[in-house]
Structure formats: C-alpha cells, structure tokens
Amino acid sequence: MVNSKKINFAVIGCGMLARSQHIPNIANSSKMHLHTCCDLSDNALKECREKYPYIQISKDYKSVIHNADIDAICIATTEKLRLPLIAEAAKAKKPVYCEKPLARNLEEMYQIQKIVSEAGIPFCVGHNRRSSPAMLEAHSIFRSHIENPKPCKWRFDREGANRPKLPDYGKAAISVRINDDWYSWKAWVFDRQQAPFGPMLFEMTHFTDICNWFLAAEPAEVVAMEQGMLNHAVIVRYKTGELASLIMCANGTFGYPKELYEAFGNGGAVIVDHMLEIRTAGIEGAPARKVYPMLNDRHPNIGAQGGLYGWLAKKQAACKEAAESNDSMRIFTAEPDKGHAHALERFVDEINGKGAVVCGVDDAVMATRVAFAAIKSAKENRMVKLSEV
C-alpha cells in the first residue's frame, strides 16, 4: 500500500487512553483520518461524536473491521478482547496498531503472533517509548557507540597495554527506574479477572521492550522480586552477556519524573531523564545535554530552560494550582513527549512502504515473554530461563 492519501483509521476501544491519545492524534494528523470509533459504551461513543461530529460510531467491531472504507485498525481495548479483534483484522488484511501488552496470557500471545505472521499484515504494538523523540535520539547515539566506539581521548587508562583481556569487554548494560503513583490506577487494575498479573505485565512490557531495543540482544534468563502489586525489581541477563536492571515503584509521586534510563557500554553513557532531556558522557562528538519540547505546557514562562529542572519548576507550579483549586487534574502540564502520536505516524509510513517496522509482533512477543518470566520468577522465587515461557 504505497500511496500518499490519508489512511482511514477505526479506533476500537474508546476508553481513557484512546480518547486522550489515539483518537486526537489520528484526528489531528496530516497522514491519518479518523473514520470510525467503536465501543460498547454509549457514553464513550457520545463523547467521541461530540468532539468529532464527522465520525461514524459503532458497537459492532466485525462490521467496522470489514468496512471497505476503513484502511487500518487501532485496537485500544483491554487485553482480553485483543485476540478476536486481531484475528478478524487479519482475515480482512487490515493493518493493525494494537495497544500493549499484546495479550493477557502466553497462549493468546503466541496465537496472535501466529495469526499476524501468517497474514503478513503491517502490525505495530504500542510500545510508544520507541517513538519518543528523546528515546529515538538516545537509542541512535547509544547503538552507534556500541557498534562503532568513539571513546574520548581523556579516558583514564591506568594499565594501558597491560590491561587484562576480559570476555565481557564491550558488553552493554542498562538501568531503568520507574516512579508511579498507584492512586491514579483505574479500577480494572485491581480486578484479578481483568488483570491477573497486575503491573508486572501491563506496565513492565514497556520497559522490557526498551531494554531489548537498546541492548539489541536476546534475553536468556530473568530473576525478579516483588512486594505485592506496587514494588518490583527485575534483572535480565542476555545470551551475549548484556544485563538490564529494572526497578518499578508505584508508591511514588507524580510530583517527580516517572522514568529514568541509564545505558552504559564501551566507556560511554547515555542517560534519558523522563524523555525531557538526554545526557551523554565518554562518547566523542555526542551532545553533553539536549532538551526536548514538552506537551500541553500551561506555564511557558516558568522553567523556561526546559529539561529536567524546567519540568520540576513547572510541576511545582501545577501542584500549587491543583491544591488551591481542589482539582488534582491540574497537576498534568508540560508532559514529556512519550511518542504516542509519533508511533502512529511512523506506523503509517511503515504501511505505505516509506518507513521501517516500528515495533513488530516478534519484538512485542519478546518483551512480553521477559515480563512473564519475571512474573514466574517472583512467584517461584528462582531464576527463570526464557525457554520456560
């Protein structure tokens, strides 16, 4: 499908994420047209129609998927409904953008992988951090340094030619820290029928995917510990020697940045702070610091320097507003660009044959397998090989 016309999208599953991200991102795009919104909720469809009067609405996903005027499907339902929707889209040979996690269990995940692979349809899973401008640039800098090291001349080399040859020389490692506030979670998160594995699945796949992407290696084994639903620590060892460590705490606060990524290797470092700025060290020619635009900034005159400290100043002002107005939604301002809109735009390029695969089914399956290995490890208190899942 190589063309330049707008692609007609149907969004199936019009909950909070879809209404705050996918639907407006499609509607505001120069590459996409919001054709149909499909949901079982009258209220959700009413809100969609009020904001976008030109769209079609439906409760019948099969008729939506097989509508000849619809070119592609965006699936933002809960995990339990994704397999039948993807299967139907594969029958119709329609490209699919599917929210993560890919499935609610391993059996369904492997079914989806088989269906997508056999159908040969363009398929993208919503690991949107891969499309964040900050993450894309950080990934490019890091992979370039790992594959073609450019060490700084000032590197302290105590032993010089007498340095021992170590088998793990050149192997990279990444650390991921997640700060979240569980007070913000929706009710379905606490329903074991809806979300039997909790955030170790529905949140962790974002971050296992980033680790796999940055390290460009195949995971071999996982060890994890958890304390109820809210605190998790995971270590992933890769077949070629790389390591990833992830700590996720949901007893945190939205008053501080959620995500910190620190990637190291070949004497260099690439740090991504909440997708607001990247910092590097030990990599010749790389920028020491670069900041990125924030979205929906109500306080452009506060924290005008941008980056981490600019965001903190804006957040403090927003928290003060929220307290004074007794409206906690006021805390949301100057958010980092996590790549939601860019992921869809890049997927359109993939569909049109003008861009690379954004996050295909095989990468999503691997990220999900690591998450399930962590779930199994925490439950059984042992190291789990990826071959077990």
Protein backbone atom coordinates (compact mmCIF):
# COMPACT_ATOMS: atom_id res chain seq x y z
CA MET A 1 0.00 0.00 0.00
CA VAL A 2 2.34 2.70 -1.25
CA ASN A 3 0.43 5.98 -1.56
CA SER A 4 0.20 9.46 -0.12
CA LYS A 5 -3.53 9.67 0.70
CA LYS A 6 -4.72 9.86 4.27
CA ILE A 7 -5.30 6.45 5.81
CA ASN A 8 -8.79 5.94 7.24
CA PHE A 9 -8.47 4.62 10.80
CA ALA A 10 -11.06 2.99 13.01
CA VAL A 11 -10.40 3.04 16.74
CA ILE A 12 -11.86 0.05 18.58
CA GLY A 13 -11.94 0.55 22.33
CA CYS A 14 -12.56 4.21 23.21
CA GLY A 15 -11.56 4.36 26.87
CA MET A 16 -9.41 6.97 28.55
CA LEU A 17 -6.17 6.15 26.70
CA ALA A 18 -7.84 6.18 23.30
CA ARG A 19 -9.75 9.41 23.99
CA SER A 20 -6.70 11.18 25.40
CA GLN A 21 -4.13 9.91 22.87
CA HIS A 22 -5.02 7.77 19.87
CA ILE A 23 -8.26 9.44 18.80
CA PRO A 24 -6.99 13.06 18.90
CA ASN A 25 -3.62 12.03 17.46
CA ILE A 26 -5.33 10.40 14.47
CA ALA A 27 -7.80 13.27 14.09
CA ASN A 28 -5.01 15.88 14.10
CA SER A 29 -2.72 14.03 11.72
CA SER A 30 -1.91 15.00 8.15
CA LYS A 31 -1.39 11.30 7.36
CA MET A 32 -4.49 9.80 9.03
CA HIS A 33 -8.24 10.36 9.02
CA LEU A 34 -10.43 9.40 11.98
CA HIS A 35 -13.21 7.44 10.27
CA THR A 36 -14.92 5.38 13.00
CA CYS A 37 -14.99 5.00 16.76
CA CYS A 38 -16.20 1.64 18.07
CA ASP A 39 -17.04 0.81 21.68
CA LEU A 40 -19.75 -0.86 23.77
CA SER A 41 -20.13 2.24 25.95
CA ASP A 42 -22.78 4.75 24.89
CA ASN A 43 -21.06 7.43 26.96
CA ALA A 44 -17.69 6.86 25.30
CA LEU A 45 -19.23 7.00 21.82
CA LYS A 46 -21.22 10.10 22.75
CA GLU A 47 -18.07 11.89 23.86
CA CYS A 48 -16.25 10.89 20.67
CA ARG A 49 -19.10 12.12 18.46
CA GLU A 50 -19.35 15.41 20.37
CA LYS A 51 -15.67 16.14 19.79
CA TYR A 52 -15.56 14.81 16.23
CA PRO A 53 -19.05 15.23 14.71
CA TYR A 54 -17.98 13.87 11.31
CA ILE A 55 -17.04 10.36 12.50
CA GLN A 56 -19.05 7.19 12.29
CA ILE A 57 -19.75 5.31 15.52
CA SER A 58 -20.50 1.64 16.05
CA LYS A 59 -20.76 -1.13 18.64
CA ASP A 60 -20.12 -3.91 16.10
CA TYR A 61 -16.38 -4.46 15.68
CA LYS A 62 -16.80 -7.00 12.86
CA SER A 63 -18.72 -4.61 10.64
CA VAL A 64 -16.16 -1.90 11.41
CA ILE A 65 -13.18 -4.09 10.53
CA HIS A 66 -14.77 -5.27 7.29
CA ASN A 67 -15.92 -1.80 6.22
CA ALA A 68 -14.25 -1.28 2.84
CA ASP A 69 -13.74 2.43 3.57
CA ILE A 70 -11.53 1.68 6.59
CA ASP A 71 -7.85 1.13 5.83
CA ALA A 72 -6.40 0.38 9.27
CA ILE A 73 -7.45 -0.52 12.80
CA CYS A 74 -6.29 0.90 16.12
CA ILE A 75 -7.08 -1.51 18.98
CA ALA A 76 -7.22 0.04 22.45
CA THR A 77 -9.48 -2.44 24.24
CA THR A 78 -8.46 -4.38 27.33
CA GLU A 79 -6.17 -7.36 26.70
CA LYS A 80 -8.94 -9.96 26.92
CA LEU A 81 -10.54 -8.66 23.71
CA ARG A 82 -7.46 -8.28 21.54
CA LEU A 83 -7.13 -11.79 20.10
CA PRO A 84 -10.56 -11.88 18.38
CA LEU A 85 -10.13 -8.35 17.03
CA ILE A 86 -6.66 -9.09 15.62
CA ALA A 87 -7.90 -12.35 14.11
CA GLU A 88 -10.75 -10.52 12.39
CA ALA A 89 -8.44 -7.78 11.11
CA ALA A 90 -6.05 -10.43 9.76
CA LYS A 91 -8.94 -12.00 7.82
CA ALA A 92 -9.71 -8.59 6.36
CA LYS A 93 -5.99 -7.99 5.61
CA LYS A 94 -6.13 -4.70 7.53
CA PRO A 95 -3.04 -3.19 9.20
CA VAL A 96 -3.31 -3.10 12.99
CA TYR A 97 -1.93 -0.81 15.68
CA CYS A 98 -2.52 -2.62 18.97
CA GLU A 99 -2.03 -1.28 22.48
CA LYS A 100 0.30 -3.14 24.80
CA PRO A 101 0.52 -5.62 26.40
CA LEU A 102 -0.15 -7.77 23.38
CA ALA A 103 -2.20 -10.36 25.28
CA ARG A 104 -3.32 -11.36 28.77
CA ASN A 105 -1.52 -14.73 28.74
CA LEU A 106 1.15 -16.64 26.87
CA GLU A 107 -1.26 -18.87 24.94
CA GLU A 108 -3.11 -15.91 23.45
CA MET A 109 0.14 -14.10 22.76
CA TYR A 110 1.52 -16.96 20.68
CA GLN A 111 -1.82 -17.27 18.85
CA ILE A 112 -1.64 -13.60 17.94
CA GLN A 113 1.96 -13.95 16.78
CA LYS A 114 0.98 -16.87 14.52
CA ILE A 115 -2.07 -15.06 13.11
CA VAL A 116 -0.14 -11.89 12.32
CA SER A 117 2.83 -13.73 10.83
CA GLU A 118 0.65 -15.87 8.58
CA ALA A 119 -1.49 -12.92 7.46
CA GLY A 120 1.56 -10.77 6.69
CA ILE A 121 -0.25 -7.58 7.67
CA PRO A 122 1.56 -4.48 8.91
CA PHE A 123 1.33 -4.73 12.68
CA CYS A 124 2.54 -2.37 15.40
CA VAL A 125 2.33 -2.78 19.16
CA GLY A 126 2.01 0.38 21.24
CA HIS A 127 5.42 0.40 22.88
CA ASN A 128 5.30 4.11 22.23
CA ARG A 129 8.55 4.99 24.04
CA ARG A 130 10.40 3.70 20.97
CA SER A 131 8.92 6.65 19.08
CA SER A 132 9.61 9.37 21.65
CA PRO A 133 11.97 11.93 20.06
CA ALA A 134 14.30 11.76 23.07
CA MET A 135 14.38 7.95 23.11
CA LEU A 136 14.94 7.73 19.36
CA GLU A 137 17.96 10.02 19.54
CA ALA A 138 19.33 8.37 22.67
CA HIS A 139 18.99 4.95 21.05
CA SER A 140 20.78 6.14 17.90
CA ILE A 141 23.67 7.62 19.90
CA PHE A 142 24.00 4.53 22.10
CA ARG A 143 23.81 1.90 19.35
CA SER A 144 26.28 3.85 17.22
CA HIS A 145 28.73 3.97 20.13
CA ILE A 146 28.31 0.28 20.99
CA GLU A 147 28.76 -0.83 17.38
CA ASN A 148 31.44 1.73 16.47
CA PRO A 149 33.01 3.02 19.71
CA LYS A 150 34.24 6.60 19.78
CA PRO A 151 35.97 6.87 23.17
CA CYS A 152 37.07 10.23 24.47
CA LYS A 153 40.80 10.98 24.48
CA TRP A 154 40.63 11.84 28.18
CA ARG A 155 39.57 8.34 29.27
CA PHE A 156 41.73 7.26 32.23
CA ASP A 157 43.55 4.10 31.19
CA ARG A 158 45.61 3.05 34.21
CA GLU A 159 47.14 -0.16 32.85
CA GLY A 160 47.20 0.64 29.14
CA ALA A 161 48.64 -2.25 27.15
CA ASN A 162 48.85 -4.30 30.36
CA ARG A 163 45.06 -4.35 30.82
CA PRO A 164 43.78 -7.94 31.01
CA LYS A 165 41.53 -9.18 28.20
CA LEU A 166 38.07 -9.72 29.69
CA PRO A 167 35.36 -11.80 27.99
CA ASP A 168 32.66 -9.27 28.88
CA TYR A 169 34.57 -6.31 27.45
CA GLY A 170 32.29 -4.20 25.25
CA LYS A 171 29.08 -5.65 26.67
CA ALA A 172 26.46 -3.05 27.49
CA ALA A 173 24.12 -2.67 30.45
CA ILE A 174 21.02 -0.59 31.09
CA SER A 175 19.23 0.52 34.24
CA VAL A 176 15.56 1.57 34.28
CA ARG A 177 13.85 3.29 37.21
CA ILE A 178 10.06 3.76 37.25
CA ASN A 179 8.31 6.04 39.75
CA ASP A 180 4.49 5.75 39.70
CA ASP A 181 1.55 6.58 41.98
CA TRP A 182 -0.98 3.78 42.30
CA TYR A 183 -3.70 6.21 43.43
CA SER A 184 -4.05 7.06 39.73
CA TRP A 185 -4.80 3.50 38.62
CA LYS A 186 -8.21 2.54 37.23
CA ALA A 187 -10.44 0.01 39.00
CA TRP A 188 -9.83 -2.81 36.50
CA VAL A 189 -6.16 -2.92 37.56
CA PHE A 190 -7.21 -4.40 40.91
CA ASP A 191 -9.56 -7.00 39.38
CA ARG A 192 -7.67 -10.27 39.13
CA GLN A 193 -10.01 -11.49 36.40
CA GLN A 194 -9.29 -8.41 34.29
CA ALA A 195 -5.59 -8.10 35.16
CA PRO A 196 -4.40 -11.36 36.76
CA PHE A 197 -0.72 -10.40 36.64
CA GLY A 198 -1.00 -6.75 37.61
CA PRO A 199 1.65 -4.16 36.64
CA MET A 200 4.30 -6.86 36.18
CA LEU A 201 2.53 -7.35 32.83
CA PHE A 202 0.58 -4.23 31.88
CA GLU A 203 3.41 -1.81 32.81
CA MET A 204 6.58 -3.93 32.69
CA THR A 205 6.34 -4.70 28.95
CA HIS A 206 7.03 -1.03 28.14
CA PHE A 207 10.37 -1.24 29.90
CA THR A 208 11.47 -4.75 28.97
CA ASP A 209 10.92 -3.67 25.37
CA ILE A 210 13.16 -0.63 25.82
CA CYS A 211 15.90 -2.80 27.36
CA ASN A 212 15.73 -5.29 24.48
CA TRP A 213 15.76 -2.43 21.95
CA PHE A 214 18.73 -0.60 23.46
CA LEU A 215 20.81 -3.73 24.07
CA ALA A 216 19.92 -5.32 20.70
CA ALA A 217 20.38 -8.74 22.25
CA GLU A 218 18.30 -11.82 23.01
CA PRO A 219 17.21 -12.26 26.65
CA ALA A 220 18.29 -15.55 28.24
CA GLU A 221 17.11 -15.53 31.87
CA VAL A 222 15.32 -13.36 34.40
CA VAL A 223 15.27 -13.03 38.16
CA ALA A 224 12.66 -10.88 39.92
CA MET A 225 11.37 -9.95 43.32
CA GLU A 226 8.11 -8.20 44.16
CA GLN A 227 6.36 -6.80 47.20
CA GLY A 228 2.65 -7.10 46.49
CA MET A 229 1.43 -5.13 43.46
CA LEU A 230 3.45 -1.99 43.92
CA ASN A 231 7.20 -2.70 44.15
CA HIS A 232 9.17 -4.81 41.67
CA ALA A 233 12.84 -5.41 40.93
CA VAL A 234 13.93 -7.34 37.83
CA ILE A 235 17.30 -8.33 36.37
CA VAL A 236 17.58 -9.67 32.82
CA ARG A 237 20.67 -11.47 31.52
CA TYR A 238 21.13 -11.68 27.76
CA LYS A 239 22.66 -14.52 25.77
CA THR A 240 25.63 -12.42 24.69
CA GLY A 241 26.39 -11.07 28.16
CA GLU A 242 24.44 -7.81 28.43
CA LEU A 243 22.48 -7.00 31.59
CA ALA A 244 19.36 -4.97 32.31
CA SER A 245 18.05 -3.99 35.73
CA LEU A 246 14.59 -2.55 36.31
CA ILE A 247 13.06 -1.18 39.47
CA MET A 248 9.40 -0.20 39.46
CA CYS A 249 7.80 1.51 42.45
CA ALA A 250 4.14 2.54 42.44
CA ASN A 251 4.35 4.05 45.92
CA GLY A 252 5.82 7.16 44.34
CA THR A 253 4.58 10.57 43.22
CA PHE A 254 3.61 12.43 40.07
CA GLY A 255 5.47 15.40 41.51
CA TYR A 256 8.72 13.81 40.30
CA PRO A 257 9.62 12.40 36.85
CA LYS A 258 8.37 8.90 36.19
CA GLU A 259 11.16 7.37 34.11
CA LEU A 260 14.96 7.34 34.16
CA TYR A 261 17.01 5.28 31.69
CA GLU A 262 20.79 4.90 32.05
CA ALA A 263 22.64 2.94 29.36
CA PHE A 264 26.37 2.21 29.62
CA GLY A 265 28.94 0.49 27.44
CA ASN A 266 32.37 0.86 25.79
CA GLY A 267 33.32 3.61 28.21
CA GLY A 268 30.29 5.72 27.37
CA ALA A 269 26.97 6.66 28.96
CA VAL A 270 23.61 7.77 27.56
CA ILE A 271 21.01 8.94 30.07
CA VAL A 272 17.36 9.71 29.30
CA ASP A 273 15.52 11.61 32.04
CA HIS A 274 11.73 11.28 31.67
CA MET A 275 12.07 11.86 27.91
CA LEU A 276 12.68 15.52 28.78
CA GLU A 277 16.43 15.51 28.21
CA ILE A 278 19.30 13.25 27.29
CA ARG A 279 22.81 13.49 28.75
CA THR A 280 25.90 11.71 27.49
CA ALA A 281 29.46 11.20 28.68
CA GLY A 282 32.50 9.44 27.28
CA ILE A 283 31.21 9.45 23.68
CA GLU A 284 33.22 11.63 21.32
CA GLY A 285 31.01 14.01 19.34
CA ALA A 286 27.80 13.30 21.24
CA PRO A 287 25.93 16.23 22.81
CA ALA A 288 26.59 16.53 26.56
CA ARG A 289 22.95 17.53 27.09
CA LYS A 290 19.93 18.08 24.91
CA VAL A 291 16.40 19.04 25.96
CA TYR A 292 13.14 18.23 24.20
CA PRO A 293 9.82 20.11 23.86
CA MET A 294 7.08 19.40 26.39
CA LEU A 295 3.41 18.88 25.53
CA ASN A 296 0.47 20.97 26.81
CA ASP A 297 2.60 23.43 28.75
CA ARG A 298 0.38 25.85 30.69
CA HIS A 299 3.40 27.60 32.23
CA PRO A 300 5.71 28.59 29.36
CA ASN A 301 7.26 31.39 31.43
CA ILE A 302 8.15 29.07 34.32
CA GLY A 303 11.11 26.72 33.93
CA ALA A 304 11.84 28.19 30.52
CA GLN A 305 15.24 26.46 30.46
CA GLY A 306 13.41 23.19 29.79
CA GLY A 307 14.74 19.75 30.57
CA LEU A 308 14.56 18.17 34.00
CA TYR A 309 14.85 21.32 36.10
CA GLY A 310 12.48 23.26 33.89
CA TRP A 311 9.92 20.48 34.22
CA LEU A 312 10.30 20.38 38.01
CA ALA A 313 9.59 24.12 38.22
CA LYS A 314 6.51 23.76 36.01
CA LYS A 315 5.30 20.76 38.01
CA GLN A 316 5.63 22.63 41.31
CA ALA A 317 3.51 25.46 39.89
CA ALA A 318 0.93 22.96 38.64
CA CYS A 319 0.77 21.16 42.01
CA LYS A 320 0.19 24.50 43.72
CA GLU A 321 -2.64 25.27 41.29
CA ALA A 322 -4.16 21.85 41.88
CA ALA A 323 -4.13 22.30 45.65
CA GLU A 324 -5.59 25.82 45.52
CA SER A 325 -8.35 24.86 43.08
CA ASN A 326 -9.06 21.48 44.69
CA ASP A 327 -8.70 19.94 41.21
CA SER A 328 -5.98 17.27 41.08
CA MET A 329 -6.18 17.14 37.27
CA ARG A 330 -4.37 20.50 37.28
CA ILE A 331 -1.13 18.69 38.07
CA PHE A 332 -0.93 17.47 34.48
CA THR A 333 1.03 20.03 32.50
CA ALA A 334 4.18 20.15 30.40
CA GLU A 335 4.19 16.39 29.90
CA PRO A 336 7.12 14.66 28.17
CA ASP A 337 6.58 13.52 24.61
CA LYS A 338 6.29 9.77 25.13
CA GLY A 339 5.85 9.10 21.43
CA HIS A 340 2.15 8.23 21.18
CA ALA A 341 1.46 10.42 18.15
CA HIS A 342 4.84 9.68 16.55
CA ALA A 343 4.27 5.91 16.84
CA LEU A 344 1.07 6.13 14.79
CA GLU A 345 2.67 8.50 12.26
CA ARG A 346 5.65 6.17 11.86
CA PHE A 347 3.30 3.20 11.52
CA VAL A 348 1.55 4.94 8.61
CA ASP A 349 4.95 5.30 6.94
CA GLU A 350 5.51 1.58 7.53
CA ILE A 351 2.11 0.77 5.99
CA ASN A 352 2.91 2.95 2.98
CA GLY A 353 6.28 1.31 2.47
CA LYS A 354 8.12 4.51 3.37
CA GLY A 355 9.47 3.57 6.79
CA ALA A 356 10.95 0.75 8.84
CA VAL A 357 8.98 -1.54 11.14
CA VAL A 358 8.16 0.47 14.28
CA CYS A 359 7.53 -2.29 16.82
CA GLY A 360 6.50 -5.54 15.19
CA VAL A 361 4.83 -8.57 16.68
CA ASP A 362 8.06 -10.51 17.26
CA ASP A 363 9.66 -7.69 19.29
CA ALA A 364 6.46 -7.29 21.30
CA VAL A 365 6.33 -11.03 21.97
CA MET A 366 9.92 -10.98 23.26
CA ALA A 367 9.22 -8.05 25.60
CA THR A 368 6.11 -9.83 26.88
CA ARG A 369 7.99 -13.09 27.38
CA VAL A 370 10.53 -11.27 29.57
CA ALA A 371 7.64 -9.85 31.62
CA PHE A 372 6.10 -13.31 32.04
CA ALA A 373 9.49 -14.73 33.02
CA ALA A 374 9.71 -12.01 35.69
CA ILE A 375 6.20 -12.89 36.91
CA LYS A 376 7.17 -16.56 37.15
CA SER A 377 10.47 -15.75 38.84
CA ALA A 378 8.85 -13.58 41.53
CA LYS A 379 6.15 -16.16 42.17
CA GLU A 380 8.52 -19.14 42.39
CA ASN A 381 11.48 -17.30 43.95
CA ARG A 382 14.03 -18.52 41.41
CA MET A 383 15.79 -17.57 38.20
CA VAL A 384 13.67 -18.35 35.12
CA LYS A 385 15.03 -19.08 31.65
CA LEU A 386 13.24 -17.53 28.69
CA SER A 387 12.89 -21.01 27.22
CA GLU A 388 10.40 -21.75 30.04
CA VAL A 389 7.97 -19.17 28.72
